[in-house]
Amino acid sequence: MSTERTDAITHIELACDVCSLEPRSRDGRSAPRGARWAVAMKDCCAGGQLMAHLACDEHFFALVSQKLPGECTSCGHLSRTLSDVVDVAWTIGTPTDLPGRPG
């Protein structure tokens, strides 16, 4: 996570969950990539409970382009479609104009 302060507004960049777990020396990066997607995923091992995850563009693309059907390596649940895995996803970190402030 990095923080930048400009004009009394603090900008926070959150790290991708998957990048944070990868060994740093794998591809020469010194830090995880910033998350650009928030994803609510269905956890088959927990009875379908939703789990929130942050993903960079690369890992989000890997998620949505995975070969299905796929089997969970932990519980053996078979997911046939992307909607069996992902409940909702949205972009984060998009610049927006703040009310009352010049854009």
PDB file of N, CA and C in Angstrom:
ATOM      1  N   MET A   1       0.845  -1.163   0.000  1.00  0.00           N
ATOM      2  CA  MET A   1       0.000   0.000   0.000  1.00  0.00           C
ATOM      3  C   MET A   1       0.893   1.229   0.000  1.00  0.00           C
ATOM      4  N   SER A   2       0.614   2.150  -0.902  1.00  0.00           N
ATOM      5  CA  SER A   2       1.372   3.395  -0.914  1.00  0.00           C
ATOM      6  C   SER A   2       0.418   4.553  -0.670  1.00  0.00           C
ATOM      7  N   THR A   3       0.951   5.622  -0.109  1.00  0.00           N
ATOM      8  CA  THR A   3       0.150   6.797   0.205  1.00  0.00           C
ATOM      9  C   THR A   3       0.808   8.026  -0.384  1.00  0.00           C
ATOM     10  N   GLU A   4       0.003   8.871  -0.998  1.00  0.00           N
ATOM     11  CA  GLU A   4       0.496  10.120  -1.573  1.00  0.00           C
ATOM     12  C   GLU A   4      -0.457  11.225  -1.148  1.00  0.00           C
ATOM     13  N   ARG A   5       0.081  12.349  -0.705  1.00  0.00           N
ATOM     14  CA  ARG A   5      -0.762  13.456  -0.263  1.00  0.00           C
ATOM     15  C   ARG A   5      -0.572  14.628  -1.211  1.00  0.00           C
ATOM     16  N   THR A   6      -1.675  15.076  -1.812  1.00  0.00           N
ATOM     17  CA  THR A   6      -1.639  16.234  -2.699  1.00  0.00           C
ATOM     18  C   THR A   6      -2.827  17.125  -2.396  1.00  0.00           C
ATOM     19  N   ASP A   7      -2.572  18.409  -2.241  1.00  0.00           N
ATOM     20  CA  ASP A   7      -3.632  19.397  -2.048  1.00  0.00           C
ATOM     21  C   ASP A   7      -4.623  18.976  -0.956  1.00  0.00           C
ATOM     22  N   ALA A   8      -4.120  18.523   0.176  1.00  0.00           N
ATOM     23  CA  ALA A   8      -4.917  18.151   1.347  1.00  0.00           C
ATOM     24  C   ALA A   8      -5.812  16.934   1.108  1.00  0.00           C
ATOM     25  N   ILE A   9      -5.559  16.188   0.045  1.00  0.00           N
ATOM     26  CA  ILE A   9      -6.288  14.949  -0.211  1.00  0.00           C
ATOM     27  C   ILE A   9      -5.279  13.814  -0.181  1.00  0.00           C
ATOM     28  N   THR A  10      -5.579  12.778   0.555  1.00  0.00           N
ATOM     29  CA  THR A  10      -4.676  11.635   0.622  1.00  0.00           C
ATOM     30  C   THR A  10      -5.140  10.568  -0.358  1.00  0.00           C
ATOM     31  N   HIS A  11      -4.230  10.140  -1.230  1.00  0.00           N
ATOM     32  CA  HIS A  11      -4.502   9.079  -2.196  1.00  0.00           C
ATOM     33  C   HIS A  11      -3.826   7.815  -1.679  1.00  0.00           C
ATOM     34  N   ILE A  12      -4.579   6.748  -1.553  1.00  0.00           N
ATOM     35  CA  ILE A  12      -4.039   5.484  -1.063  1.00  0.00           C
ATOM     36  C   ILE A  12      -4.141   4.450  -2.173  1.00  0.00           C
ATOM     37  N   GLU A  13      -3.034   3.785  -2.458  1.00  0.00           N
ATOM     38  CA  GLU A  13      -3.055   2.701  -3.433  1.00  0.00           C
ATOM     39  C   GLU A  13      -2.927   1.381  -2.684  1.00  0.00           C
ATOM     40  N   LEU A  14      -3.941   0.545  -2.828  1.00  0.00           N
ATOM     41  CA  LEU A  14      -3.950  -0.755  -2.165  1.00  0.00           C
ATOM     42  C   LEU A  14      -3.240  -1.780  -3.033  1.00  0.00           C
ATOM     43  N   ALA A  15      -2.614  -2.749  -2.401  1.00  0.00           N
ATOM     44  CA  ALA A  15      -1.863  -3.777  -3.125  1.00  0.00           C
ATOM     45  C   ALA A  15      -2.776  -4.922  -3.552  1.00  0.00           C
ATOM     46  N   CYS A  16      -2.453  -5.516  -4.673  1.00  0.00           N
ATOM     47  CA  CYS A  16      -3.127  -6.720  -5.163  1.00  0.00           C
ATOM     48  C   CYS A  16      -2.883  -7.855  -4.163  1.00  0.00           C
ATOM     49  N   ASP A  17      -3.947  -8.579  -3.796  1.00  0.00           N
ATOM     50  CA  ASP A  17      -3.817  -9.685  -2.841  1.00  0.00           C
ATOM     51  C   ASP A  17      -2.870 -10.769  -3.346  1.00  0.00           C
ATOM     52  N   VAL A  18      -2.976 -11.130  -4.616  1.00  0.00           N
ATOM     53  CA  VAL A  18      -2.146 -12.209  -5.163  1.00  0.00           C
ATOM     54  C   VAL A  18      -0.692 -11.763  -5.251  1.00  0.00           C
ATOM     55  N   CYS A  19      -0.448 -10.541  -5.740  1.00  0.00           N
ATOM     56  CA  CYS A  19       0.929 -10.025  -5.821  1.00  0.00           C
ATOM     57  C   CYS A  19       1.579 -10.003  -4.442  1.00  0.00           C
ATOM     58  N   SER A  20       0.798  -9.687  -3.421  1.00  0.00           N
ATOM     59  CA  SER A  20       1.335  -9.615  -2.060  1.00  0.00           C
ATOM     60  C   SER A  20       1.811 -10.970  -1.561  1.00  0.00           C
ATOM     61  N   LEU A  21       1.241 -12.044  -2.095  1.00  0.00           N
ATOM     62  CA  LEU A  21       1.612 -13.394  -1.666  1.00  0.00           C
ATOM     63  C   LEU A  21       2.754 -13.986  -2.477  1.00  0.00           C
ATOM     64  N   GLU A  22       3.028 -13.415  -3.656  1.00  0.00           N
ATOM     65  CA  GLU A  22       4.081 -13.941  -4.524  1.00  0.00           C
ATOM     66  C   GLU A  22       5.458 -13.535  -4.011  1.00  0.00           C
ATOM     67  N   PRO A  23       6.450 -14.378  -4.231  1.00  0.00           N
ATOM     68  CA  PRO A  23       7.824 -13.990  -3.883  1.00  0.00           C
ATOM     69  C   PRO A  23       8.237 -12.752  -4.686  1.00  0.00           C
ATOM     70  N   ARG A  24       8.856 -11.803  -4.043  1.00  0.00           N
ATOM     71  CA  ARG A  24       9.225 -10.540  -4.679  1.00  0.00           C
ATOM     72  C   ARG A  24      10.223 -10.715  -5.822  1.00  0.00           C
ATOM     73  N   SER A  25      11.107 -11.693  -5.724  1.00  0.00           N
ATOM     74  CA  SER A  25      12.161 -11.832  -6.724  1.00  0.00           C
ATOM     75  C   SER A  25      11.700 -12.581  -7.970  1.00  0.00           C
ATOM     76  N   ARG A  26      10.480 -13.059  -7.972  1.00  0.00           N
ATOM     77  CA  ARG A  26       9.988 -13.877  -9.086  1.00  0.00           C
ATOM     78  C   ARG A  26      10.103 -13.163 -10.429  1.00  0.00           C
ATOM     79  N   ASP A  27       9.668 -11.923 -10.492  1.00  0.00           N
ATOM     80  CA  ASP A  27       9.768 -11.194 -11.756  1.00  0.00           C
ATOM     81  C   ASP A  27      10.530  -9.878 -11.607  1.00  0.00           C
ATOM     82  N   GLY A  28      11.276  -9.733 -10.524  1.00  0.00           N
ATOM     83  CA  GLY A  28      12.118  -8.563 -10.348  1.00  0.00           C
ATOM     84  C   GLY A  28      11.418  -7.344  -9.774  1.00  0.00           C
ATOM     85  N   ARG A  29      10.133  -7.460  -9.451  1.00  0.00           N
ATOM     86  CA  ARG A  29       9.424  -6.311  -8.872  1.00  0.00           C
ATOM     87  C   ARG A  29       9.869  -6.117  -7.436  1.00  0.00           C
ATOM     88  N   SER A  30       9.901  -4.861  -7.016  1.00  0.00           N
ATOM     89  CA  SER A  30      10.277  -4.594  -5.628  1.00  0.00           C
ATOM     90  C   SER A  30       9.052  -4.521  -4.726  1.00  0.00           C
ATOM     91  N   ALA A  31       7.866  -4.366  -5.303  1.00  0.00           N
ATOM     92  CA  ALA A  31       6.647  -4.256  -4.510  1.00  0.00           C
ATOM     93  C   ALA A  31       5.475  -4.824  -5.302  1.00  0.00           C
ATOM     94  N   PRO A  32       4.405  -5.229  -4.613  1.00  0.00           N
ATOM     95  CA  PRO A  32       3.221  -5.722  -5.322  1.00  0.00           C
ATOM     96  C   PRO A  32       2.608  -4.626  -6.195  1.00  0.00           C
ATOM     97  N   ARG A  33       1.949  -5.037  -7.264  1.00  0.00           N
ATOM     98  CA  ARG A  33       1.243  -4.078  -8.120  1.00  0.00           C
ATOM     99  C   ARG A  33       0.027  -3.547  -7.379  1.00  0.00           C
ATOM    100  N   GLY A  34      -0.405  -2.369  -7.765  1.00  0.00           N
ATOM    101  CA  GLY A  34      -1.589  -1.770  -7.165  1.00  0.00           C
ATOM    102  C   GLY A  34      -2.859  -2.452  -7.642  1.00  0.00           C
ATOM    103  N   ALA A  35      -3.823  -2.574  -6.745  1.00  0.00           N
ATOM    104  CA  ALA A  35      -5.109  -3.187  -7.083  1.00  0.00           C
ATOM    105  C   ALA A  35      -5.924  -2.224  -7.928  1.00  0.00           C
ATOM    106  N   ARG A  36      -6.548  -2.742  -8.963  1.00  0.00           N
ATOM    107  CA  ARG A  36      -7.431  -1.966  -9.832  1.00  0.00           C
ATOM    108  C   ARG A  36      -8.844  -2.522  -9.826  1.00  0.00           C
ATOM    109  N   TRP A  37      -9.013  -3.688  -9.186  1.00  0.00           N
ATOM    110  CA  TRP A  37     -10.307  -4.359  -9.149  1.00  0.00           C
ATOM    111  C   TRP A  37     -10.607  -4.827  -7.730  1.00  0.00           C
ATOM    112  N   ALA A  38     -11.852  -4.664  -7.311  1.00  0.00           N
ATOM    113  CA  ALA A  38     -12.359  -5.267  -6.079  1.00  0.00           C
ATOM    114  C   ALA A  38     -13.303  -6.379  -6.523  1.00  0.00           C
ATOM    115  N   VAL A  39     -13.118  -7.563  -5.971  1.00  0.00           N
ATOM    116  CA  VAL A  39     -13.875  -8.730  -6.419  1.00  0.00           C
ATOM    117  C   VAL A  39     -14.492  -9.424  -5.210  1.00  0.00           C
ATOM    118  N   ALA A  40     -15.803  -9.664  -5.271  1.00  0.00           N
ATOM    119  CA  ALA A  40     -16.478 -10.468  -4.254  1.00  0.00           C
ATOM    120  C   ALA A  40     -16.602 -11.874  -4.826  1.00  0.00           C
ATOM    121  N   MET A  41     -15.808 -12.791  -4.263  1.00  0.00           N
ATOM    122  CA  MET A  41     -15.772 -14.166  -4.763  1.00  0.00           C
ATOM    123  C   MET A  41     -16.518 -15.096  -3.815  1.00  0.00           C
ATOM    124  N   LYS A  42     -17.135 -16.118  -4.399  1.00  0.00           N
ATOM    125  CA  LYS A  42     -17.859 -17.116  -3.618  1.00  0.00           C
ATOM    126  C   LYS A  42     -16.866 -18.174  -3.138  1.00  0.00           C
ATOM    127  N   ASP A  43     -16.802 -18.377  -1.824  1.00  0.00           N
ATOM    128  CA  ASP A  43     -15.884 -19.354  -1.240  1.00  0.00           C
ATOM    129  C   ASP A  43     -16.621 -20.680  -1.069  1.00  0.00           C
ATOM    130  N   CYS A  44     -16.372 -21.609  -1.985  1.00  0.00           N
ATOM    131  CA  CYS A  44     -17.073 -22.901  -1.947  1.00  0.00           C
ATOM    132  C   CYS A  44     -16.733 -23.686  -0.683  1.00  0.00           C
ATOM    133  N   CYS A  45     -15.548 -23.511  -0.145  1.00  0.00           N
ATOM    134  CA  CYS A  45     -15.126 -24.238   1.057  1.00  0.00           C
ATOM    135  C   CYS A  45     -15.814 -23.710   2.314  1.00  0.00           C
ATOM    136  N   ALA A  46     -16.435 -22.532   2.226  1.00  0.00           N
ATOM    137  CA  ALA A  46     -17.125 -21.927   3.372  1.00  0.00           C
ATOM    138  C   ALA A  46     -18.623 -21.806   3.096  1.00  0.00           C
ATOM    139  N   GLY A  47     -19.155 -22.733   2.329  1.00  0.00           N
ATOM    140  CA  GLY A  47     -20.596 -22.741   2.077  1.00  0.00           C
ATOM    141  C   GLY A  47     -21.080 -21.628   1.172  1.00  0.00           C
ATOM    142  N   GLY A  48     -20.224 -21.109   0.321  1.00  0.00           N
ATOM    143  CA  GLY A  48     -20.624 -20.063  -0.620  1.00  0.00           C
ATOM    144  C   GLY A  48     -20.559 -18.652  -0.070  1.00  0.00           C
ATOM    145  N   GLN A  49     -19.968 -18.479   1.107  1.00  0.00           N
ATOM    146  CA  GLN A  49     -19.828 -17.128   1.666  1.00  0.00           C
ATOM    147  C   GLN A  49     -18.989 -16.267   0.734  1.00  0.00           C
ATOM    148  N   LEU A  50     -19.303 -14.968   0.690  1.00  0.00           N
ATOM    149  CA  LEU A  50     -18.547 -14.046  -0.150  1.00  0.00           C
ATOM    150  C   LEU A  50     -17.269 -13.615   0.550  1.00  0.00           C
ATOM    151  N   MET A  51     -16.192 -13.588  -0.207  1.00  0.00           N
ATOM    152  CA  MET A  51     -14.890 -13.151   0.287  1.00  0.00           C
ATOM    153  C   MET A  51     -14.429 -12.000  -0.602  1.00  0.00           C
ATOM    154  N   ALA A  52     -14.001 -10.904   0.005  1.00  0.00           N
ATOM    155  CA  ALA A  52     -13.533  -9.743  -0.756  1.00  0.00           C
ATOM    156  C   ALA A  52     -12.054  -9.899  -1.087  1.00  0.00           C
ATOM    157  N   HIS A  53     -11.701  -9.598  -2.329  1.00  0.00           N
ATOM    158  CA  HIS A  53     -10.314  -9.667  -2.777  1.00  0.00           C
ATOM    159  C   HIS A  53      -9.994  -8.434  -3.614  1.00  0.00           C
ATOM    160  N   LEU A  54      -8.730  -8.021  -3.591  1.00  0.00           N
ATOM    161  CA  LEU A  54      -8.239  -6.932  -4.430  1.00  0.00           C
ATOM    162  C   LEU A  54      -7.325  -7.533  -5.486  1.00  0.00           C
ATOM    163  N   ALA A  55      -7.461  -7.075  -6.733  1.00  0.00           N
ATOM    164  CA  ALA A  55      -6.671  -7.658  -7.819  1.00  0.00           C
ATOM    165  C   ALA A  55      -6.129  -6.577  -8.743  1.00  0.00           C
ATOM    166  N   CYS A  56      -4.897  -6.791  -9.202  1.00  0.00           N
ATOM    167  CA  CYS A  56      -4.325  -5.935 -10.240  1.00  0.00           C
ATOM    168  C   CYS A  56      -4.936  -6.373 -11.575  1.00  0.00           C
ATOM    169  N   ASP A  57      -4.659  -5.625 -12.644  1.00  0.00           N
ATOM    170  CA  ASP A  57      -5.205  -5.971 -13.955  1.00  0.00           C
ATOM    171  C   ASP A  57      -4.805  -7.377 -14.381  1.00  0.00           C
ATOM    172  N   GLU A  58      -3.542  -7.752 -14.172  1.00  0.00           N
ATOM    173  CA  GLU A  58      -3.050  -9.066 -14.592  1.00  0.00           C
ATOM    174  C   GLU A  58      -3.781 -10.207 -13.884  1.00  0.00           C
ATOM    175  N   HIS A  59      -3.943 -10.100 -12.577  1.00  0.00           N
ATOM    176  CA  HIS A  59      -4.585 -11.182 -11.836  1.00  0.00           C
ATOM    177  C   HIS A  59      -6.101 -11.190 -12.032  1.00  0.00           C
ATOM    178  N   PHE A  60      -6.713 -10.032 -12.280  1.00  0.00           N
ATOM    179  CA  PHE A  60      -8.139 -10.009 -12.598  1.00  0.00           C
ATOM    180  C   PHE A  60      -8.381 -10.695 -13.941  1.00  0.00           C
ATOM    181  N   PHE A  61      -7.524 -10.401 -14.926  1.00  0.00           N
ATOM    182  CA  PHE A  61      -7.661 -11.047 -16.232  1.00  0.00           C
ATOM    183  C   PHE A  61      -7.485 -12.559 -16.104  1.00  0.00           C
ATOM    184  N   ALA A  62      -6.536 -12.999 -15.292  1.00  0.00           N
ATOM    185  CA  ALA A  62      -6.334 -14.437 -15.080  1.00  0.00           C
ATOM    186  C   ALA A  62      -7.584 -15.072 -14.465  1.00  0.00           C
ATOM    187  N   LEU A  63      -8.249 -14.354 -13.561  1.00  0.00           N
ATOM    188  CA  LEU A  63      -9.460 -14.864 -12.923  1.00  0.00           C
ATOM    189  C   LEU A  63     -10.594 -15.018 -13.930  1.00  0.00           C
ATOM    190  N   VAL A  64     -10.854 -13.957 -14.703  1.00  0.00           N
ATOM    191  CA  VAL A  64     -12.011 -13.986 -15.604  1.00  0.00           C
ATOM    192  C   VAL A  64     -11.766 -14.802 -16.866  1.00  0.00           C
ATOM    193  N   SER A  65     -10.520 -15.118 -17.176  1.00  0.00           N
ATOM    194  CA  SER A  65     -10.240 -15.896 -18.384  1.00  0.00           C
ATOM    195  C   SER A  65      -9.838 -17.340 -18.075  1.00  0.00           C
ATOM    196  N   GLN A  66     -10.013 -17.761 -16.817  1.00  0.00           N
ATOM    197  CA  GLN A  66      -9.639 -19.126 -16.442  1.00  0.00           C
ATOM    198  C   GLN A  66     -10.495 -20.152 -17.185  1.00  0.00           C
ATOM    199  N   LYS A  67      -9.919 -21.306 -17.392  1.00  0.00           N
ATOM    200  CA  LYS A  67     -10.614 -22.385 -18.088  1.00  0.00           C
ATOM    201  C   LYS A  67     -11.648 -22.999 -17.146  1.00  0.00           C
ATOM    202  N   LEU A  68     -12.888 -23.035 -17.598  1.00  0.00           N
ATOM    203  CA  LEU A  68     -13.970 -23.634 -16.815  1.00  0.00           C
ATOM    204  C   LEU A  68     -14.608 -24.742 -17.637  1.00  0.00           C
ATOM    205  N   PRO A  69     -15.158 -25.786 -17.053  1.00  0.00           N
ATOM    206  CA  PRO A  69     -15.322 -25.964 -15.618  1.00  0.00           C
ATOM    207  C   PRO A  69     -13.993 -26.202 -14.916  1.00  0.00           C
ATOM    208  N   GLY A  70     -13.982 -25.843 -13.648  1.00  0.00           N
ATOM    209  CA  GLY A  70     -12.789 -26.028 -12.834  1.00  0.00           C
ATOM    210  C   GLY A  70     -13.159 -26.608 -11.483  1.00  0.00           C
ATOM    211  N   GLU A  71     -12.234 -27.354 -10.907  1.00  0.00           N
ATOM    212  CA  GLU A  71     -12.484 -28.014  -9.630  1.00  0.00           C
ATOM    213  C   GLU A  71     -11.638 -27.380  -8.534  1.00  0.00           C
ATOM    214  N   CYS A  72     -12.256 -27.092  -7.398  1.00  0.00           N
ATOM    215  CA  CYS A  72     -11.545 -26.543  -6.242  1.00  0.00           C
ATOM    216  C   CYS A  72     -10.530 -27.574  -5.757  1.00  0.00           C
ATOM    217  N   THR A  73      -9.306 -27.133  -5.565  1.00  0.00           N
ATOM    218  CA  THR A  73      -8.255 -28.052  -5.116  1.00  0.00           C
ATOM    219  C   THR A  73      -8.415 -28.452  -3.649  1.00  0.00           C
ATOM    220  N   SER A  74      -9.211 -27.687  -2.886  1.00  0.00           N
ATOM    221  CA  SER A  74      -9.398 -28.001  -1.464  1.00  0.00           C
ATOM    222  C   SER A  74     -10.598 -28.907  -1.203  1.00  0.00           C
ATOM    223  N   CYS A  75     -11.769 -28.541  -1.772  1.00  0.00           N
ATOM    224  CA  CYS A  75     -12.986 -29.292  -1.437  1.00  0.00           C
ATOM    225  C   CYS A  75     -13.554 -30.089  -2.605  1.00  0.00           C
ATOM    226  N   GLY A  76     -13.035 -29.875  -3.813  1.00  0.00           N
ATOM    227  CA  GLY A  76     -13.506 -30.624  -4.966  1.00  0.00           C
ATOM    228  C   GLY A  76     -14.744 -30.062  -5.635  1.00  0.00           C
ATOM    229  N   HIS A  77     -15.254 -28.908  -5.165  1.00  0.00           N
ATOM    230  CA  HIS A  77     -16.439 -28.287  -5.771  1.00  0.00           C
ATOM    231  C   HIS A  77     -16.160 -27.966  -7.238  1.00  0.00           C
ATOM    232  N   LEU A  78     -17.128 -28.238  -8.106  1.00  0.00           N
ATOM    233  CA  LEU A  78     -16.982 -27.984  -9.533  1.00  0.00           C
ATOM    234  C   LEU A  78     -17.680 -26.680  -9.897  1.00  0.00           C
ATOM    235  N   SER A  79     -16.940 -25.716 -10.429  1.00  0.00           N
ATOM    236  CA  SER A  79     -17.495 -24.453 -10.914  1.00  0.00           C
ATOM    237  C   SER A  79     -17.604 -24.541 -12.426  1.00  0.00           C
ATOM    238  N   ARG A  80     -18.812 -24.341 -12.938  1.00  0.00           N
ATOM    239  CA  ARG A  80     -19.048 -24.472 -14.376  1.00  0.00           C
ATOM    240  C   ARG A  80     -18.967 -23.141 -15.113  1.00  0.00           C
ATOM    241  N   THR A  81     -19.326 -22.052 -14.435  1.00  0.00           N
ATOM    242  CA  THR A  81     -19.314 -20.732 -15.068  1.00  0.00           C
ATOM    243  C   THR A  81     -18.611 -19.737 -14.154  1.00  0.00           C
ATOM    244  N   LEU A  82     -18.269 -18.590 -14.698  1.00  0.00           N
ATOM    245  CA  LEU A  82     -17.621 -17.545 -13.901  1.00  0.00           C
ATOM    246  C   LEU A  82     -18.529 -17.083 -12.766  1.00  0.00           C
ATOM    247  N   SER A  83     -19.845 -17.083 -12.989  1.00  0.00           N
ATOM    248  CA  SER A  83     -20.763 -16.656 -11.929  1.00  0.00           C
ATOM    249  C   SER A  83     -20.801 -17.649 -10.764  1.00  0.00           C
ATOM    250  N   ASP A  84     -20.276 -18.864 -10.950  1.00  0.00           N
ATOM    251  CA  ASP A  84     -20.126 -19.802  -9.832  1.00  0.00           C
ATOM    252  C   ASP A  84     -18.973 -19.390  -8.921  1.00  0.00           C
ATOM    253  N   VAL A  85     -18.066 -18.559  -9.440  1.00  0.00           N
ATOM    254  CA  VAL A  85     -16.860 -18.160  -8.714  1.00  0.00           C
ATOM    255  C   VAL A  85     -16.947 -16.713  -8.234  1.00  0.00           C
ATOM    256  N   VAL A  86     -17.399 -15.812  -9.116  1.00  0.00           N
ATOM    257  CA  VAL A  86     -17.425 -14.373  -8.837  1.00  0.00           C
ATOM    258  C   VAL A  86     -18.861 -13.897  -8.680  1.00  0.00           C
ATOM    259  N   ASP A  87     -19.140 -13.185  -7.579  1.00  0.00           N
ATOM    260  CA  ASP A  87     -20.464 -12.604  -7.374  1.00  0.00           C
ATOM    261  C   ASP A  87     -20.543 -11.243  -8.052  1.00  0.00           C
ATOM    262  N   VAL A  88     -19.551 -10.380  -7.785  1.00  0.00           N
ATOM    263  CA  VAL A  88     -19.520  -9.045  -8.389  1.00  0.00           C
ATOM    264  C   VAL A  88     -18.078  -8.548  -8.405  1.00  0.00           C
ATOM    265  N   ALA A  89     -17.775  -7.710  -9.390  1.00  0.00           N
ATOM    266  CA  ALA A  89     -16.441  -7.096  -9.480  1.00  0.00           C
ATOM    267  C   ALA A  89     -16.617  -5.654  -9.931  1.00  0.00           C
ATOM    268  N   TRP A  90     -15.777  -4.762  -9.423  1.00  0.00           N
ATOM    269  CA  TRP A  90     -15.838  -3.368  -9.836  1.00  0.00           C
ATOM    270  C   TRP A  90     -14.441  -2.785  -9.816  1.00  0.00           C
ATOM    271  N   THR A  91     -14.264  -1.749 -10.633  1.00  0.00           N
ATOM    272  CA  THR A  91     -12.957  -1.101 -10.694  1.00  0.00           C
ATOM    273  C   THR A  91     -12.788  -0.189  -9.486  1.00  0.00           C
ATOM    274  N   ILE A  92     -11.546  -0.026  -9.061  1.00  0.00           N
ATOM    275  CA  ILE A  92     -11.239   0.897  -7.971  1.00  0.00           C
ATOM    276  C   ILE A  92     -10.094   1.794  -8.418  1.00  0.00           C
ATOM    277  N   GLY A  93      -9.914   2.878  -7.728  1.00  0.00           N
ATOM    278  CA  GLY A  93      -8.807   3.771  -8.032  1.00  0.00           C
ATOM    279  C   GLY A  93      -9.052   4.681  -9.213  1.00  0.00           C
ATOM    280  N   THR A  94     -10.305   4.791  -9.645  1.00  0.00           N
ATOM    281  CA  THR A  94     -10.622   5.657 -10.766  1.00  0.00           C
ATOM    282  C   THR A  94     -10.717   7.092 -10.277  1.00  0.00           C
ATOM    283  N   PRO A  95      -9.991   8.016 -10.922  1.00  0.00           N
ATOM    284  CA  PRO A  95     -10.071   9.413 -10.507  1.00  0.00           C
ATOM    285  C   PRO A  95     -11.493   9.956 -10.659  1.00  0.00           C
ATOM    286  N   THR A  96     -11.933  10.728  -9.690  1.00  0.00           N
ATOM    287  CA  THR A  96     -13.254  11.353  -9.757  1.00  0.00           C
ATOM    288  C   THR A  96     -13.130  12.807  -9.349  1.00  0.00           C
ATOM    289  N   ASP A  97     -14.052  13.620  -9.835  1.00  0.00           N
ATOM    290  CA  ASP A  97     -14.107  15.017  -9.421  1.00  0.00           C
ATOM    291  C   ASP A  97     -14.831  15.091  -8.085  1.00  0.00           C
ATOM    292  N   LEU A  98     -14.278  15.838  -7.154  1.00  0.00           N
ATOM    293  CA  LEU A  98     -14.909  16.008  -5.858  1.00  0.00           C
ATOM    294  C   LEU A  98     -15.826  17.217  -5.904  1.00  0.00           C
ATOM    295  N   PRO A  99     -17.025  17.121  -5.300  1.00  0.00           N
ATOM    296  CA  PRO A  99     -17.943  18.256  -5.290  1.00  0.00           C
ATOM    297  C   PRO A  99     -17.298  19.479  -4.638  1.00  0.00           C
ATOM    298  N   GLY A 100     -17.485  20.628  -5.248  1.00  0.00           N
ATOM    299  CA  GLY A 100     -16.974  21.868  -4.686  1.00  0.00           C
ATOM    300  C   GLY A 100     -15.502  22.111  -4.924  1.00  0.00           C
ATOM    301  N   ARG A 101     -14.847  21.255  -5.684  1.00  0.00           N
ATOM    302  CA  ARG A 101     -13.419  21.416  -5.965  1.00  0.00           C
ATOM    303  C   ARG A 101     -13.234  21.495  -7.469  1.00  0.00           C
ATOM    304  N   PRO A 102     -12.363  22.360  -7.904  1.00  0.00           N
ATOM    305  CA  PRO A 102     -12.117  22.440  -9.341  1.00  0.00           C
ATOM    306  C   PRO A 102     -11.524  21.135  -9.860  1.00  0.00           C
ATOM    307  N   GLY A 103     -11.984  20.703 -11.043  1.00  0.00           N
ATOM    308  CA  GLY A 103     -11.518  19.442 -11.619  1.00  0.00           C
ATOM    309  C   GLY A 103     -10.272  19.647 -12.343  1.00  0.00           C
TER     310      GLY A 103
END
